[in-house]
Amino acid sequence: MKLTAGAVITEPGNAAKNKTGSWRAFRPIIDVEKCTGCGICSMYCPEPSIAKGKPAKVDYDYCKGCGICANECPFHAITMVPEGKR
């Protein structure tokens, strides 16, 4: 499926079928020193694009940059940065 400008994606988990990372405005960066590998970020990710581990790993091909992971991380190990910055 090719996404066009104004495309609406409404169902959770749809990124498994469509690489959606190309239109992300923000990307999550994991602080490896703070990440405990608890998996809470992975549990809350609506497009399972975060693999549980120490540290957690983000699959940027599928991450939409919603920021839920950063909001839910109890250790503040995830920072959302504008796309293109590291």
PDB file of N, CA and C in Angstrom:
ATOM      1  N   MET A   1       0.845  -1.182   0.000  1.00  0.00           N
ATOM      2  CA  MET A   1       0.000   0.000   0.000  1.00  0.00           C
ATOM      3  C   MET A   1       0.881   1.232   0.000  1.00  0.00           C
ATOM      4  N   LYS A   2       0.642   2.133  -0.895  1.00  0.00           N
ATOM      5  CA  LYS A   2       1.399   3.373  -0.963  1.00  0.00           C
ATOM      6  C   LYS A   2       0.625   4.460  -0.228  1.00  0.00           C
ATOM      7  N   LEU A   3       1.313   5.161   0.682  1.00  0.00           N
ATOM      8  CA  LEU A   3       0.680   6.253   1.408  1.00  0.00           C
ATOM      9  C   LEU A   3       0.804   7.538   0.615  1.00  0.00           C
ATOM     10  N   THR A   4      -0.250   8.294   0.593  1.00  0.00           N
ATOM     11  CA  THR A   4      -0.240   9.580  -0.080  1.00  0.00           C
ATOM     12  C   THR A   4      -0.475  10.686   0.936  1.00  0.00           C
ATOM     13  N   ALA A   5      -0.211  11.903   0.561  1.00  0.00           N
ATOM     14  CA  ALA A   5      -0.456  13.034   1.453  1.00  0.00           C
ATOM     15  C   ALA A   5      -1.907  13.025   1.889  1.00  0.00           C
ATOM     16  N   GLY A   6      -2.126  13.169   3.166  1.00  0.00           N
ATOM     17  CA  GLY A   6      -3.485  13.170   3.693  1.00  0.00           C
ATOM     18  C   GLY A   6      -4.035  11.797   3.992  1.00  0.00           C
ATOM     19  N   ALA A   7      -3.204  10.759   3.823  1.00  0.00           N
ATOM     20  CA  ALA A   7      -3.670   9.401   4.120  1.00  0.00           C
ATOM     21  C   ALA A   7      -3.980   9.284   5.603  1.00  0.00           C
ATOM     22  N   VAL A   8      -5.019   8.554   5.919  1.00  0.00           N
ATOM     23  CA  VAL A   8      -5.421   8.364   7.309  1.00  0.00           C
ATOM     24  C   VAL A   8      -5.142   6.913   7.695  1.00  0.00           C
ATOM     25  N   ILE A   9      -4.390   6.766   8.769  1.00  0.00           N
ATOM     26  CA  ILE A   9      -4.098   5.438   9.293  1.00  0.00           C
ATOM     27  C   ILE A   9      -4.706   5.390  10.677  1.00  0.00           C
ATOM     28  N   THR A  10      -5.680   4.524  10.872  1.00  0.00           N
ATOM     29  CA  THR A  10      -6.422   4.556  12.121  1.00  0.00           C
ATOM     30  C   THR A  10      -6.325   3.302  12.965  1.00  0.00           C
ATOM     31  N   GLU A  11      -6.006   2.163  12.388  1.00  0.00           N
ATOM     32  CA  GLU A  11      -6.023   0.941  13.176  1.00  0.00           C
ATOM     33  C   GLU A  11      -4.661   0.664  13.815  1.00  0.00           C
ATOM     34  N   PRO A  12      -4.628   0.316  15.119  1.00  0.00           N
ATOM     35  CA  PRO A  12      -3.368   0.000  15.774  1.00  0.00           C
ATOM     36  C   PRO A  12      -2.700  -1.198  15.117  1.00  0.00           C
ATOM     37  N   GLY A  13      -1.398  -1.164  15.061  1.00  0.00           N
ATOM     38  CA  GLY A  13      -0.657  -2.279  14.499  1.00  0.00           C
ATOM     39  C   GLY A  13      -0.525  -2.243  12.999  1.00  0.00           C
ATOM     40  N   ASN A  14      -1.039  -1.215  12.336  1.00  0.00           N
ATOM     41  CA  ASN A  14      -1.004  -1.183  10.880  1.00  0.00           C
ATOM     42  C   ASN A  14       0.397  -0.984  10.323  1.00  0.00           C
ATOM     43  N   ALA A  15       1.330  -0.519  11.126  1.00  0.00           N
ATOM     44  CA  ALA A  15       2.680  -0.311  10.623  1.00  0.00           C
ATOM     45  C   ALA A  15       3.358  -1.633  10.281  1.00  0.00           C
ATOM     46  N   ALA A  16       2.863  -2.737  10.798  1.00  0.00           N
ATOM     47  CA  ALA A  16       3.427  -4.037  10.455  1.00  0.00           C
ATOM     48  C   ALA A  16       3.291  -4.302   8.967  1.00  0.00           C
ATOM     49  N   LYS A  17       2.290  -3.688   8.335  1.00  0.00           N
ATOM     50  CA  LYS A  17       2.072  -3.868   6.908  1.00  0.00           C
ATOM     51  C   LYS A  17       2.683  -2.737   6.080  1.00  0.00           C
ATOM     52  N   ASN A  18       2.916  -1.580   6.698  1.00  0.00           N
ATOM     53  CA  ASN A  18       3.388  -0.407   5.973  1.00  0.00           C
ATOM     54  C   ASN A  18       4.529   0.254   6.735  1.00  0.00           C
ATOM     55  N   LYS A  19       5.664   0.407   6.094  1.00  0.00           N
ATOM     56  CA  LYS A  19       6.751   1.127   6.746  1.00  0.00           C
ATOM     57  C   LYS A  19       6.326   2.586   6.838  1.00  0.00           C
ATOM     58  N   THR A  20       6.167   3.063   8.059  1.00  0.00           N
ATOM     59  CA  THR A  20       5.630   4.407   8.276  1.00  0.00           C
ATOM     60  C   THR A  20       6.665   5.373   8.829  1.00  0.00           C
ATOM     61  N   GLY A  21       7.878   4.908   9.051  1.00  0.00           N
ATOM     62  CA  GLY A  21       8.896   5.758   9.649  1.00  0.00           C
ATOM     63  C   GLY A  21       9.325   6.925   8.787  1.00  0.00           C
ATOM     64  N   SER A  22       9.081   6.886   7.493  1.00  0.00           N
ATOM     65  CA  SER A  22       9.562   7.949   6.603  1.00  0.00           C
ATOM     66  C   SER A  22       8.836   9.277   6.796  1.00  0.00           C
ATOM     67  N   TRP A  23       7.664   9.278   7.407  1.00  0.00           N
ATOM     68  CA  TRP A  23       6.947  10.539   7.595  1.00  0.00           C
ATOM     69  C   TRP A  23       6.920  10.984   9.045  1.00  0.00           C
ATOM     70  N   ARG A  24       7.774  10.389   9.861  1.00  0.00           N
ATOM     71  CA  ARG A  24       7.871  10.724  11.285  1.00  0.00           C
ATOM     72  C   ARG A  24       8.514  12.107  11.440  1.00  0.00           C
ATOM     73  N   ALA A  25       7.999  12.925  12.350  1.00  0.00           N
ATOM     74  CA  ALA A  25       8.572  14.247  12.628  1.00  0.00           C
ATOM     75  C   ALA A  25       9.553  14.197  13.798  1.00  0.00           C
ATOM     76  N   PHE A  26       9.318  13.276  14.735  1.00  0.00           N
ATOM     77  CA  PHE A  26      10.189  13.113  15.897  1.00  0.00           C
ATOM     78  C   PHE A  26      10.572  11.649  16.018  1.00  0.00           C
ATOM     79  N   ARG A  27      11.746  11.390  16.572  1.00  0.00           N
ATOM     80  CA  ARG A  27      12.201  10.021  16.761  1.00  0.00           C
ATOM     81  C   ARG A  27      12.624   9.819  18.207  1.00  0.00           C
ATOM     82  N   PRO A  28      12.351   8.643  18.762  1.00  0.00           N
ATOM     83  CA  PRO A  28      12.767   8.359  20.136  1.00  0.00           C
ATOM     84  C   PRO A  28      14.242   7.944  20.171  1.00  0.00           C
ATOM     85  N   ILE A  29      14.962   8.496  21.111  1.00  0.00           N
ATOM     86  CA  ILE A  29      16.354   8.118  21.343  1.00  0.00           C
ATOM     87  C   ILE A  29      16.415   7.492  22.732  1.00  0.00           C
ATOM     88  N   ILE A  30      16.976   6.296  22.809  1.00  0.00           N
ATOM     89  CA  ILE A  30      17.077   5.568  24.072  1.00  0.00           C
ATOM     90  C   ILE A  30      18.410   5.908  24.738  1.00  0.00           C
ATOM     91  N   ASP A  31      18.355   6.340  25.980  1.00  0.00           N
ATOM     92  CA  ASP A  31      19.562   6.583  26.775  1.00  0.00           C
ATOM     93  C   ASP A  31      19.961   5.241  27.382  1.00  0.00           C
ATOM     94  N   VAL A  32      21.035   4.647  26.881  1.00  0.00           N
ATOM     95  CA  VAL A  32      21.430   3.306  27.308  1.00  0.00           C
ATOM     96  C   VAL A  32      21.848   3.265  28.777  1.00  0.00           C
ATOM     97  N   GLU A  33      22.252   4.386  29.320  1.00  0.00           N
ATOM     98  CA  GLU A  33      22.632   4.437  30.734  1.00  0.00           C
ATOM     99  C   GLU A  33      21.410   4.390  31.651  1.00  0.00           C
ATOM    100  N   LYS A  34      20.296   4.956  31.201  1.00  0.00           N
ATOM    101  CA  LYS A  34      19.076   5.001  32.012  1.00  0.00           C
ATOM    102  C   LYS A  34      18.145   3.815  31.784  1.00  0.00           C
ATOM    103  N   CYS A  35      18.203   3.202  30.597  1.00  0.00           N
ATOM    104  CA  CYS A  35      17.287   2.118  30.259  1.00  0.00           C
ATOM    105  C   CYS A  35      17.599   0.880  31.103  1.00  0.00           C
ATOM    106  N   THR A  36      16.563   0.355  31.763  1.00  0.00           N
ATOM    107  CA  THR A  36      16.713  -0.847  32.591  1.00  0.00           C
ATOM    108  C   THR A  36      16.243  -2.110  31.873  1.00  0.00           C
ATOM    109  N   GLY A  37      15.653  -1.951  30.697  1.00  0.00           N
ATOM    110  CA  GLY A  37      15.130  -3.102  29.969  1.00  0.00           C
ATOM    111  C   GLY A  37      13.801  -3.600  30.500  1.00  0.00           C
ATOM    112  N   CYS A  38      13.056  -2.744  31.197  1.00  0.00           N
ATOM    113  CA  CYS A  38      11.793  -3.159  31.828  1.00  0.00           C
ATOM    114  C   CYS A  38      10.713  -3.528  30.813  1.00  0.00           C
ATOM    115  N   GLY A  39      10.766  -2.961  29.607  1.00  0.00           N
ATOM    116  CA  GLY A  39       9.802  -3.296  28.560  1.00  0.00           C
ATOM    117  C   GLY A  39       8.517  -2.493  28.577  1.00  0.00           C
ATOM    118  N   ILE A  40       8.396  -1.528  29.468  1.00  0.00           N
ATOM    119  CA  ILE A  40       7.172  -0.722  29.508  1.00  0.00           C
ATOM    120  C   ILE A  40       6.985   0.036  28.202  1.00  0.00           C
ATOM    121  N   CYS A  41       8.060   0.564  27.643  1.00  0.00           N
ATOM    122  CA  CYS A  41       7.959   1.278  26.361  1.00  0.00           C
ATOM    123  C   CYS A  41       7.426   0.357  25.274  1.00  0.00           C
ATOM    124  N   SER A  42       7.925  -0.862  25.251  1.00  0.00           N
ATOM    125  CA  SER A  42       7.488  -1.846  24.264  1.00  0.00           C
ATOM    126  C   SER A  42       6.016  -2.196  24.447  1.00  0.00           C
ATOM    127  N   MET A  43       5.599  -2.297  25.700  1.00  0.00           N
ATOM    128  CA  MET A  43       4.215  -2.651  26.005  1.00  0.00           C
ATOM    129  C   MET A  43       3.240  -1.565  25.539  1.00  0.00           C
ATOM    130  N   TYR A  44       3.619  -0.304  25.650  1.00  0.00           N
ATOM    131  CA  TYR A  44       2.726   0.793  25.288  1.00  0.00           C
ATOM    132  C   TYR A  44       2.825   1.217  23.825  1.00  0.00           C
ATOM    133  N   CYS A  45       3.851   0.786  23.123  1.00  0.00           N
ATOM    134  CA  CYS A  45       4.029   1.183  21.723  1.00  0.00           C
ATOM    135  C   CYS A  45       2.861   0.667  20.884  1.00  0.00           C
ATOM    136  N   PRO A  46       2.110   1.572  20.224  1.00  0.00           N
ATOM    137  CA  PRO A  46       0.949   1.130  19.442  1.00  0.00           C
ATOM    138  C   PRO A  46       1.329   0.412  18.148  1.00  0.00           C
ATOM    139  N   GLU A  47       2.549   0.542  17.721  1.00  0.00           N
ATOM    140  CA  GLU A  47       3.043  -0.116  16.506  1.00  0.00           C
ATOM    141  C   GLU A  47       4.255  -0.932  16.903  1.00  0.00           C
ATOM    142  N   PRO A  48       4.115  -2.050  17.509  1.00  0.00           N
ATOM    143  CA  PRO A  48       5.229  -2.696  18.196  1.00  0.00           C
ATOM    144  C   PRO A  48       6.579  -2.514  17.486  1.00  0.00           C
ATOM    145  N   SER A  49       7.095  -1.296  17.553  1.00  0.00           N
ATOM    146  CA  SER A  49       8.364  -0.994  16.902  1.00  0.00           C
ATOM    147  C   SER A  49       9.507  -0.880  17.901  1.00  0.00           C
ATOM    148  N   ILE A  50       9.237  -1.232  19.162  1.00  0.00           N
ATOM    149  CA  ILE A  50      10.288  -1.231  20.175  1.00  0.00           C
ATOM    150  C   ILE A  50      10.439  -2.656  20.693  1.00  0.00           C
ATOM    151  N   ALA A  51      11.662  -3.167  20.594  1.00  0.00           N
ATOM    152  CA  ALA A  51      11.950  -4.508  21.096  1.00  0.00           C
ATOM    153  C   ALA A  51      12.459  -4.401  22.521  1.00  0.00           C
ATOM    154  N   LYS A  52      11.875  -5.219  23.385  1.00  0.00           N
ATOM    155  CA  LYS A  52      12.293  -5.253  24.781  1.00  0.00           C
ATOM    156  C   LYS A  52      13.726  -5.753  24.860  1.00  0.00           C
ATOM    157  N   GLY A  53      14.494  -5.162  25.718  1.00  0.00           N
ATOM    158  CA  GLY A  53      15.880  -5.556  25.912  1.00  0.00           C
ATOM    159  C   GLY A  53      16.598  -4.496  26.715  1.00  0.00           C
ATOM    160  N   LYS A  54      17.839  -4.731  27.036  1.00  0.00           N
ATOM    161  CA  LYS A  54      18.627  -3.743  27.755  1.00  0.00           C
ATOM    162  C   LYS A  54      19.805  -3.372  26.891  1.00  0.00           C
ATOM    163  N   PRO A  55      19.783  -2.285  26.203  1.00  0.00           N
ATOM    164  CA  PRO A  55      18.678  -1.326  26.156  1.00  0.00           C
ATOM    165  C   PRO A  55      17.617  -1.746  25.141  1.00  0.00           C
ATOM    166  N   ALA A  56      16.461  -1.109  25.243  1.00  0.00           N
ATOM    167  CA  ALA A  56      15.397  -1.327  24.269  1.00  0.00           C
ATOM    168  C   ALA A  56      15.894  -0.884  22.895  1.00  0.00           C
ATOM    169  N   LYS A  57      15.385  -1.498  21.851  1.00  0.00           N
ATOM    170  CA  LYS A  57      15.786  -1.168  20.480  1.00  0.00           C
ATOM    171  C   LYS A  57      14.566  -0.693  19.694  1.00  0.00           C
ATOM    172  N   VAL A  58      14.728   0.411  18.972  1.00  0.00           N
ATOM    173  CA  VAL A  58      13.647   0.977  18.171  1.00  0.00           C
ATOM    174  C   VAL A  58      13.854   0.593  16.709  1.00  0.00           C
ATOM    175  N   ASP A  59      12.813   0.084  16.078  1.00  0.00           N
ATOM    176  CA  ASP A  59      12.842  -0.177  14.640  1.00  0.00           C
ATOM    177  C   ASP A  59      12.285   1.068  13.961  1.00  0.00           C
ATOM    178  N   TYR A  60      13.174   1.910  13.481  1.00  0.00           N
ATOM    179  CA  TYR A  60      12.774   3.203  12.925  1.00  0.00           C
ATOM    180  C   TYR A  60      12.028   3.083  11.599  1.00  0.00           C
ATOM    181  N   ASP A  61      12.058   1.926  10.961  1.00  0.00           N
ATOM    182  CA  ASP A  61      11.255   1.736   9.743  1.00  0.00           C
ATOM    183  C   ASP A  61       9.768   1.796  10.057  1.00  0.00           C
ATOM    184  N   TYR A  62       9.400   1.427  11.293  1.00  0.00           N
ATOM    185  CA  TYR A  62       7.994   1.335  11.661  1.00  0.00           C
ATOM    186  C   TYR A  62       7.561   2.328  12.733  1.00  0.00           C
ATOM    187  N   CYS A  63       8.504   2.969  13.398  1.00  0.00           N
ATOM    188  CA  CYS A  63       8.173   3.939  14.445  1.00  0.00           C
ATOM    189  C   CYS A  63       7.536   5.177  13.822  1.00  0.00           C
ATOM    190  N   LYS A  64       6.376   5.574  14.355  1.00  0.00           N
ATOM    191  CA  LYS A  64       5.666   6.754  13.855  1.00  0.00           C
ATOM    192  C   LYS A  64       6.048   8.025  14.602  1.00  0.00           C
ATOM    193  N   GLY A  65       6.823   7.894  15.674  1.00  0.00           N
ATOM    194  CA  GLY A  65       7.256   9.070  16.423  1.00  0.00           C
ATOM    195  C   GLY A  65       6.175   9.670  17.299  1.00  0.00           C
ATOM    196  N   CYS A  66       5.258   8.855  17.776  1.00  0.00           N
ATOM    197  CA  CYS A  66       4.130   9.369  18.563  1.00  0.00           C
ATOM    198  C   CYS A  66       4.548   9.851  19.950  1.00  0.00           C
ATOM    199  N   GLY A  67       5.636   9.300  20.505  1.00  0.00           N
ATOM    200  CA  GLY A  67       6.124   9.741  21.802  1.00  0.00           C
ATOM    201  C   GLY A  67       5.508   9.044  22.999  1.00  0.00           C
ATOM    202  N   ILE A  68       4.625   8.081  22.770  1.00  0.00           N
ATOM    203  CA  ILE A  68       4.016   7.361  23.882  1.00  0.00           C
ATOM    204  C   ILE A  68       5.095   6.660  24.702  1.00  0.00           C
ATOM    205  N   CYS A  69       6.074   6.091  24.043  1.00  0.00           N
ATOM    206  CA  CYS A  69       7.147   5.385  24.756  1.00  0.00           C
ATOM    207  C   CYS A  69       7.864   6.324  25.722  1.00  0.00           C
ATOM    208  N   ALA A  70       8.194   7.529  25.267  1.00  0.00           N
ATOM    209  CA  ALA A  70       8.884   8.504  26.117  1.00  0.00           C
ATOM    210  C   ALA A  70       8.005   8.939  27.281  1.00  0.00           C
ATOM    211  N   ASN A  71       6.725   9.073  27.027  1.00  0.00           N
ATOM    212  CA  ASN A  71       5.795   9.480  28.074  1.00  0.00           C
ATOM    213  C   ASN A  71       5.639   8.403  29.151  1.00  0.00           C
ATOM    214  N   GLU A  72       5.664   7.146  28.752  1.00  0.00           N
ATOM    215  CA  GLU A  72       5.414   6.048  29.684  1.00  0.00           C
ATOM    216  C   GLU A  72       6.668   5.518  30.380  1.00  0.00           C
ATOM    217  N   CYS A  73       7.840   5.828  29.884  1.00  0.00           N
ATOM    218  CA  CYS A  73       9.075   5.304  30.482  1.00  0.00           C
ATOM    219  C   CYS A  73       9.251   5.851  31.902  1.00  0.00           C
ATOM    220  N   PRO A  74       9.235   4.960  32.924  1.00  0.00           N
ATOM    221  CA  PRO A  74       9.353   5.428  34.302  1.00  0.00           C
ATOM    222  C   PRO A  74      10.762   5.906  34.654  1.00  0.00           C
ATOM    223  N   PHE A  75      11.738   5.605  33.804  1.00  0.00           N
ATOM    224  CA  PHE A  75      13.123   5.976  34.082  1.00  0.00           C
ATOM    225  C   PHE A  75      13.590   7.173  33.253  1.00  0.00           C
ATOM    226  N   HIS A  76      12.675   7.744  32.466  1.00  0.00           N
ATOM    227  CA  HIS A  76      12.978   8.894  31.602  1.00  0.00           C
ATOM    228  C   HIS A  76      14.189   8.603  30.713  1.00  0.00           C
ATOM    229  N   ALA A  77      14.217   7.387  30.170  1.00  0.00           N
ATOM    230  CA  ALA A  77      15.325   6.939  29.340  1.00  0.00           C
ATOM    231  C   ALA A  77      15.100   7.206  27.860  1.00  0.00           C
ATOM    232  N   ILE A  78      13.942   7.756  27.508  1.00  0.00           N
ATOM    233  CA  ILE A  78      13.625   7.998  26.101  1.00  0.00           C
ATOM    234  C   ILE A  78      13.357   9.483  25.896  1.00  0.00           C
ATOM    235  N   THR A  79      14.049  10.046  24.940  1.00  0.00           N
ATOM    236  CA  THR A  79      13.879  11.454  24.591  1.00  0.00           C
ATOM    237  C   THR A  79      13.415  11.529  23.144  1.00  0.00           C
ATOM    238  N   MET A  80      12.419  12.339  22.886  1.00  0.00           N
ATOM    239  CA  MET A  80      11.962  12.550  21.511  1.00  0.00           C
ATOM    240  C   MET A  80      12.728  13.734  20.940  1.00  0.00           C
ATOM    241  N   VAL A  81      13.374  13.514  19.803  1.00  0.00           N
ATOM    242  CA  VAL A  81      14.147  14.577  19.143  1.00  0.00           C
ATOM    243  C   VAL A  81      13.605  14.772  17.737  1.00  0.00           C
ATOM    244  N   PRO A  82      13.743  15.980  17.187  1.00  0.00           N
ATOM    245  CA  PRO A  82      13.295  16.180  15.808  1.00  0.00           C
ATOM    246  C   PRO A  82      14.015  15.238  14.849  1.00  0.00           C
ATOM    247  N   GLU A  83      13.280  14.744  13.885  1.00  0.00           N
ATOM    248  CA  GLU A  83      13.857  13.828  12.891  1.00  0.00           C
ATOM    249  C   GLU A  83      15.060  14.490  12.234  1.00  0.00           C
ATOM    250  N   GLY A  84      16.090  13.730  12.011  1.00  0.00           N
ATOM    251  CA  GLY A  84      17.299  14.250  11.386  1.00  0.00           C
ATOM    252  C   GLY A  84      18.377  14.622  12.390  1.00  0.00           C
ATOM    253  N   LYS A  85      18.030  14.743  13.661  1.00  0.00           N
ATOM    254  CA  LYS A  85      19.022  15.039  14.714  1.00  0.00           C
ATOM    255  C   LYS A  85      19.310  13.766  15.480  1.00  0.00           C
ATOM    256  N   ARG A  86      20.439  13.699  16.090  1.00  0.00           N
ATOM    257  CA  ARG A  86      20.845  12.512  16.881  1.00  0.00           C
ATOM    258  C   ARG A  86      21.021  12.863  18.322  1.00  0.00           C
TER     259      ARG A  86
END
